[in-house]
């Protein structure tokens, strides 16, 4: 799955760079959407990101591209590899600025782990 995000002034810190927390929020949201579309009717919560290392600052007007691919499927959890690329200043080249594995677990209405639905 691919998603794109335009970095706007409200996404920046006092030094004019993207807040890292905003990037993590978008990763969580877009990967959650991928999991929910792949497993309809499931109720996912985020349980882990394997690492958080920001490789480069991101400025206003940058376009971020999020590539999300399933990397693991368990009985009650699913993991996705998320790669984030940045395009700055109308440059056509995309640069990898962040990557992580994010893991979700499927919960029932009482907050207990439950098997994934529609396991392929």
N, C-alpha and C. Protein backbone atom coordinates (compact mmCIF):
# COMPACT_ATOMS: atom_id res chain seq x y z
N UNK A 1 0.85 -1.17 0.00
CA UNK A 1 0.00 0.00 0.00
C UNK A 1 0.89 1.23 0.00
N UNK A 2 0.47 2.25 -0.71
CA UNK A 2 1.19 3.51 -0.73
C UNK A 2 0.28 4.63 -0.26
N UNK A 3 0.88 5.59 0.44
CA UNK A 3 0.19 6.80 0.86
C UNK A 3 1.16 7.96 0.70
N UNK A 4 0.60 9.14 0.57
CA UNK A 4 1.41 10.35 0.44
C UNK A 4 0.93 11.39 1.44
N UNK A 5 1.86 12.25 1.86
CA UNK A 5 1.53 13.32 2.80
C UNK A 5 2.35 14.56 2.45
N UNK A 6 1.69 15.69 2.36
CA UNK A 6 2.35 16.98 2.17
C UNK A 6 2.68 17.55 3.53
N UNK A 7 3.92 17.95 3.75
CA UNK A 7 4.34 18.53 5.02
C UNK A 7 3.99 20.02 5.03
N UNK A 8 3.12 20.39 5.96
CA UNK A 8 2.60 21.75 6.06
C UNK A 8 3.23 22.49 7.24
N UNK A 9 3.08 23.82 7.29
CA UNK A 9 3.69 24.61 8.37
C UNK A 9 3.32 24.11 9.77
N UNK A 10 2.11 23.67 9.99
CA UNK A 10 1.69 23.19 11.30
C UNK A 10 2.34 21.88 11.73
N UNK A 11 3.03 21.21 10.80
CA UNK A 11 3.70 19.94 11.08
C UNK A 11 5.14 20.15 11.58
N UNK A 12 5.60 21.41 11.60
CA UNK A 12 7.01 21.72 11.85
C UNK A 12 7.28 22.17 13.28
N UNK A 13 8.52 21.94 13.73
CA UNK A 13 8.94 22.44 15.04
C UNK A 13 9.47 23.87 14.91
N UNK A 14 9.99 24.41 16.00
CA UNK A 14 10.46 25.79 16.02
C UNK A 14 11.66 26.03 15.11
N UNK A 15 12.34 24.99 14.68
CA UNK A 15 13.50 25.11 13.79
C UNK A 15 13.15 24.89 12.32
N UNK A 16 11.86 24.67 12.04
CA UNK A 16 11.43 24.51 10.65
C UNK A 16 11.53 23.10 10.12
N UNK A 17 11.68 22.11 11.00
CA UNK A 17 11.74 20.71 10.59
C UNK A 17 10.51 19.96 11.09
N UNK A 18 10.17 18.91 10.39
CA UNK A 18 9.04 18.07 10.76
C UNK A 18 9.23 17.50 12.17
N UNK A 19 8.20 17.62 13.00
CA UNK A 19 8.20 16.95 14.30
C UNK A 19 8.26 15.44 14.08
N UNK A 20 9.17 14.77 14.77
CA UNK A 20 9.27 13.32 14.65
C UNK A 20 8.00 12.62 15.06
N UNK A 21 7.31 13.17 16.05
CA UNK A 21 6.05 12.57 16.50
C UNK A 21 4.98 12.59 15.43
N UNK A 22 4.98 13.61 14.58
CA UNK A 22 4.02 13.65 13.48
C UNK A 22 4.29 12.52 12.50
N UNK A 23 5.57 12.29 12.19
CA UNK A 23 5.91 11.21 11.28
C UNK A 23 5.47 9.86 11.87
N UNK A 24 5.72 9.66 13.17
CA UNK A 24 5.32 8.40 13.80
C UNK A 24 3.80 8.24 13.79
N UNK A 25 3.09 9.33 14.00
CA UNK A 25 1.61 9.29 13.96
C UNK A 25 1.13 8.85 12.57
N UNK A 26 1.72 9.42 11.52
CA UNK A 26 1.30 9.06 10.16
C UNK A 26 1.64 7.61 9.85
N UNK A 27 2.80 7.14 10.29
CA UNK A 27 3.17 5.74 10.09
C UNK A 27 2.15 4.83 10.77
N UNK A 28 1.82 5.14 12.01
CA UNK A 28 0.85 4.34 12.76
C UNK A 28 -0.50 4.34 12.05
N UNK A 29 -0.95 5.50 11.62
CA UNK A 29 -2.25 5.63 10.96
C UNK A 29 -2.29 4.88 9.63
N UNK A 30 -1.30 5.10 8.78
CA UNK A 30 -1.32 4.48 7.45
C UNK A 30 -1.14 2.97 7.52
N UNK A 31 -0.29 2.49 8.43
CA UNK A 31 -0.13 1.04 8.59
C UNK A 31 -1.39 0.41 9.18
N UNK A 32 -2.03 1.12 10.12
CA UNK A 32 -3.29 0.63 10.69
C UNK A 32 -4.35 0.51 9.59
N UNK A 33 -4.41 1.49 8.70
CA UNK A 33 -5.36 1.43 7.58
C UNK A 33 -5.06 0.20 6.72
N UNK A 34 -3.79 -0.05 6.42
CA UNK A 34 -3.42 -1.21 5.60
C UNK A 34 -3.87 -2.51 6.28
N UNK A 35 -3.64 -2.62 7.58
CA UNK A 35 -4.04 -3.83 8.32
C UNK A 35 -5.55 -3.99 8.34
N UNK A 36 -6.25 -2.91 8.58
CA UNK A 36 -7.72 -2.95 8.66
C UNK A 36 -8.34 -3.31 7.31
N UNK A 37 -7.77 -2.82 6.23
CA UNK A 37 -8.28 -3.17 4.90
C UNK A 37 -7.99 -4.64 4.57
N UNK A 38 -6.85 -5.12 5.04
CA UNK A 38 -6.46 -6.51 4.76
C UNK A 38 -7.23 -7.51 5.62
N UNK A 39 -7.64 -7.09 6.82
CA UNK A 39 -8.35 -7.96 7.75
C UNK A 39 -9.65 -7.27 8.20
N UNK A 40 -10.65 -7.21 7.32
CA UNK A 40 -11.90 -6.52 7.67
C UNK A 40 -12.54 -7.11 8.92
N UNK A 41 -13.07 -6.25 9.75
CA UNK A 41 -13.74 -6.68 10.96
C UNK A 41 -12.82 -6.87 12.15
N UNK A 42 -11.52 -6.76 11.93
CA UNK A 42 -10.57 -6.89 13.03
C UNK A 42 -10.50 -5.58 13.82
N UNK A 43 -10.00 -5.67 15.03
CA UNK A 43 -9.86 -4.50 15.90
C UNK A 43 -8.40 -4.44 16.35
N UNK A 44 -7.59 -3.67 15.62
CA UNK A 44 -6.15 -3.64 15.85
C UNK A 44 -5.73 -2.53 16.80
N UNK A 45 -4.71 -2.85 17.60
CA UNK A 45 -4.00 -1.84 18.39
C UNK A 45 -2.51 -2.01 18.09
N UNK A 46 -1.79 -0.91 18.16
CA UNK A 46 -0.35 -0.92 17.93
C UNK A 46 0.35 -1.44 19.18
N UNK A 47 1.26 -2.40 18.99
CA UNK A 47 2.02 -2.91 20.13
C UNK A 47 3.51 -2.62 20.04
N UNK A 48 4.04 -2.35 18.84
CA UNK A 48 5.48 -2.12 18.76
C UNK A 48 5.90 -1.48 17.44
N UNK A 49 6.95 -0.69 17.54
CA UNK A 49 7.75 -0.27 16.39
C UNK A 49 9.15 -0.77 16.71
N UNK A 50 9.83 -1.38 15.73
CA UNK A 50 11.10 -2.02 16.07
C UNK A 50 12.24 -1.03 16.28
N UNK A 51 12.22 0.10 15.62
CA UNK A 51 13.26 1.10 15.85
C UNK A 51 12.75 2.45 15.38
N UNK A 52 13.30 3.48 15.97
CA UNK A 52 12.94 4.84 15.59
C UNK A 52 14.24 5.61 15.40
N UNK A 53 14.66 5.72 14.14
CA UNK A 53 15.87 6.46 13.79
C UNK A 53 15.54 7.37 12.61
N UNK A 54 15.58 8.67 12.87
CA UNK A 54 15.31 9.65 11.81
C UNK A 54 16.62 9.91 11.07
N UNK A 55 16.61 9.67 9.75
CA UNK A 55 17.85 9.75 8.97
C UNK A 55 18.11 11.13 8.40
N UNK A 56 17.06 11.96 8.29
CA UNK A 56 17.24 13.27 7.69
C UNK A 56 16.08 14.16 8.08
N UNK A 57 16.35 15.46 8.24
CA UNK A 57 15.29 16.41 8.53
C UNK A 57 14.38 16.61 7.33
N UNK A 58 13.14 16.96 7.60
CA UNK A 58 12.14 17.17 6.55
C UNK A 58 11.60 18.58 6.69
N UNK A 59 11.56 19.31 5.57
CA UNK A 59 11.12 20.70 5.56
C UNK A 59 9.71 20.87 5.04
N UNK A 60 9.15 22.05 5.29
CA UNK A 60 7.83 22.42 4.76
C UNK A 60 7.82 22.26 3.25
N UNK A 61 6.70 21.76 2.75
CA UNK A 61 6.53 21.59 1.31
C UNK A 61 7.03 20.26 0.78
N UNK A 62 7.70 19.49 1.63
CA UNK A 62 8.16 18.17 1.20
C UNK A 62 6.96 17.24 1.02
N UNK A 63 7.10 16.33 0.10
CA UNK A 63 6.08 15.29 -0.10
C UNK A 63 6.67 13.98 0.41
N UNK A 64 5.96 13.37 1.34
CA UNK A 64 6.40 12.09 1.89
C UNK A 64 5.62 10.96 1.24
N UNK A 65 6.33 9.91 0.91
CA UNK A 65 5.72 8.70 0.34
C UNK A 65 5.91 7.58 1.35
N UNK A 66 4.82 6.91 1.71
CA UNK A 66 4.83 5.82 2.67
C UNK A 66 4.58 4.51 1.92
N UNK A 67 5.54 3.59 1.95
CA UNK A 67 5.36 2.25 1.39
C UNK A 67 5.14 1.30 2.56
N UNK A 68 4.04 0.56 2.50
CA UNK A 68 3.66 -0.32 3.61
C UNK A 68 3.46 -1.73 3.05
N UNK A 69 4.26 -2.68 3.55
CA UNK A 69 4.19 -4.06 3.08
C UNK A 69 4.15 -5.01 4.28
N UNK A 70 3.26 -6.00 4.22
CA UNK A 70 3.19 -6.98 5.30
C UNK A 70 4.50 -7.78 5.34
N UNK A 71 5.06 -7.92 6.54
CA UNK A 71 6.31 -8.66 6.69
C UNK A 71 6.16 -9.90 7.57
N UNK A 72 5.06 -9.98 8.34
CA UNK A 72 4.84 -11.14 9.21
C UNK A 72 3.36 -11.22 9.55
N UNK A 73 2.88 -12.47 9.61
CA UNK A 73 1.51 -12.71 10.06
C UNK A 73 1.53 -13.84 11.07
N UNK A 74 1.01 -13.56 12.26
CA UNK A 74 0.89 -14.58 13.29
C UNK A 74 -0.56 -14.97 13.48
N UNK A 75 -0.87 -15.62 14.59
CA UNK A 75 -2.25 -16.01 14.87
C UNK A 75 -3.11 -14.82 15.27
N UNK A 76 -2.53 -13.91 16.06
CA UNK A 76 -3.30 -12.76 16.57
C UNK A 76 -2.67 -11.42 16.19
N UNK A 77 -1.50 -11.45 15.55
CA UNK A 77 -0.81 -10.20 15.23
C UNK A 77 -0.35 -10.19 13.78
N UNK A 78 -0.08 -8.98 13.33
CA UNK A 78 0.44 -8.78 11.98
C UNK A 78 1.46 -7.65 12.04
N UNK A 79 2.51 -7.79 11.23
CA UNK A 79 3.58 -6.80 11.22
C UNK A 79 3.78 -6.28 9.79
N UNK A 80 4.06 -4.99 9.70
CA UNK A 80 4.29 -4.35 8.41
C UNK A 80 5.63 -3.64 8.42
N UNK A 81 6.31 -3.69 7.28
CA UNK A 81 7.50 -2.88 7.07
C UNK A 81 7.04 -1.57 6.44
N UNK A 82 7.39 -0.47 7.08
CA UNK A 82 7.03 0.86 6.58
C UNK A 82 8.31 1.58 6.19
N UNK A 83 8.37 2.01 4.94
CA UNK A 83 9.48 2.82 4.45
C UNK A 83 8.92 4.18 4.06
N UNK A 84 9.61 5.23 4.52
CA UNK A 84 9.18 6.60 4.22
C UNK A 84 10.24 7.26 3.36
N UNK A 85 9.79 7.79 2.24
CA UNK A 85 10.66 8.49 1.30
C UNK A 85 10.26 9.95 1.26
N UNK A 86 11.22 10.82 0.96
CA UNK A 86 10.96 12.26 0.92
C UNK A 86 11.36 12.82 -0.43
N UNK A 87 10.51 13.70 -0.93
CA UNK A 87 10.81 14.46 -2.14
C UNK A 87 10.80 15.93 -1.75
N UNK A 88 11.95 16.60 -1.90
CA UNK A 88 12.11 18.00 -1.51
C UNK A 88 12.22 18.92 -2.73
N UNK A 89 11.73 20.12 -2.59
CA UNK A 89 11.97 21.21 -3.54
C UNK A 89 11.71 20.82 -5.00
N UNK A 90 10.61 20.17 -5.24
CA UNK A 90 10.21 19.77 -6.59
C UNK A 90 11.23 18.86 -7.26
N UNK A 91 12.11 18.27 -6.49
CA UNK A 91 13.09 17.31 -7.00
C UNK A 91 12.35 15.99 -7.25
N UNK A 92 12.63 15.35 -8.36
CA UNK A 92 11.92 14.10 -8.67
C UNK A 92 12.51 12.90 -7.95
N UNK A 93 13.70 13.04 -7.35
CA UNK A 93 14.32 11.93 -6.65
C UNK A 93 13.73 11.76 -5.27
N UNK A 94 13.41 10.51 -4.93
CA UNK A 94 12.92 10.18 -3.60
C UNK A 94 14.08 9.66 -2.77
N UNK A 95 14.17 10.11 -1.52
CA UNK A 95 15.22 9.68 -0.62
C UNK A 95 14.60 8.96 0.58
N UNK A 96 15.13 7.78 0.91
CA UNK A 96 14.65 7.05 2.09
C UNK A 96 15.08 7.81 3.34
N UNK A 97 14.09 8.19 4.16
CA UNK A 97 14.41 8.96 5.37
C UNK A 97 14.07 8.20 6.66
N UNK A 98 13.30 7.12 6.56
CA UNK A 98 12.88 6.41 7.76
C UNK A 98 12.35 5.04 7.36
N UNK A 99 12.63 4.04 8.20
CA UNK A 99 11.99 2.73 8.01
C UNK A 99 11.85 2.06 9.37
N UNK A 100 10.81 1.27 9.51
CA UNK A 100 10.54 0.57 10.75
C UNK A 100 9.58 -0.59 10.48
N UNK A 101 9.56 -1.54 11.39
CA UNK A 101 8.52 -2.55 11.41
C UNK A 101 7.53 -2.14 12.50
N UNK A 102 6.26 -2.19 12.16
CA UNK A 102 5.21 -1.87 13.13
C UNK A 102 4.33 -3.10 13.29
N UNK A 103 4.00 -3.42 14.55
CA UNK A 103 3.23 -4.62 14.84
C UNK A 103 1.90 -4.25 15.49
N UNK A 104 0.85 -4.88 15.00
CA UNK A 104 -0.50 -4.71 15.54
C UNK A 104 -0.98 -6.05 16.08
N UNK A 105 -1.80 -5.99 17.13
CA UNK A 105 -2.45 -7.19 17.63
C UNK A 105 -3.96 -6.97 17.51
N UNK A 106 -4.66 -8.05 17.20
CA UNK A 106 -6.11 -8.02 17.05
C UNK A 106 -6.76 -8.35 18.39
N UNK A 107 -7.63 -7.45 18.87
CA UNK A 107 -8.28 -7.64 20.16
C UNK A 107 -9.78 -7.83 20.01
N UNK A 108 -10.35 -8.59 20.95
CA UNK A 108 -11.80 -8.72 20.99
C UNK A 108 -12.38 -7.54 21.79
N UNK A 109 -13.70 -7.54 21.97
CA UNK A 109 -14.36 -6.40 22.64
C UNK A 109 -13.97 -6.26 24.11
N UNK A 110 -13.40 -7.33 24.69
CA UNK A 110 -12.96 -7.29 26.08
C UNK A 110 -11.46 -7.02 26.22
N UNK A 111 -10.80 -6.71 25.09
CA UNK A 111 -9.38 -6.38 25.14
C UNK A 111 -8.46 -7.58 25.15
N UNK A 112 -8.98 -8.76 24.84
CA UNK A 112 -8.16 -9.98 24.78
C UNK A 112 -7.75 -10.25 23.34
N UNK A 113 -6.55 -10.81 23.18
CA UNK A 113 -6.09 -11.18 21.85
C UNK A 113 -7.06 -12.17 21.21
N UNK A 114 -7.29 -11.96 19.91
CA UNK A 114 -8.12 -12.92 19.18
C UNK A 114 -7.50 -13.18 17.82
N UNK A 115 -7.84 -14.34 17.24
CA UNK A 115 -7.28 -14.73 15.95
C UNK A 115 -7.66 -13.71 14.88
N UNK A 116 -6.75 -13.57 13.92
CA UNK A 116 -7.02 -12.69 12.79
C UNK A 116 -8.16 -13.26 11.95
N UNK A 117 -8.95 -12.40 11.42
CA UNK A 117 -10.03 -12.83 10.54
C UNK A 117 -9.53 -12.83 9.11
N UNK A 118 -10.10 -13.67 8.30
CA UNK A 118 -9.78 -13.73 6.87
C UNK A 118 -8.28 -13.96 6.64
N UNK A 119 -7.67 -14.85 7.45
CA UNK A 119 -6.26 -15.15 7.24
C UNK A 119 -6.10 -15.77 5.87
N UNK A 120 -5.18 -15.16 5.11
CA UNK A 120 -4.97 -15.64 3.74
C UNK A 120 -3.86 -16.65 3.68
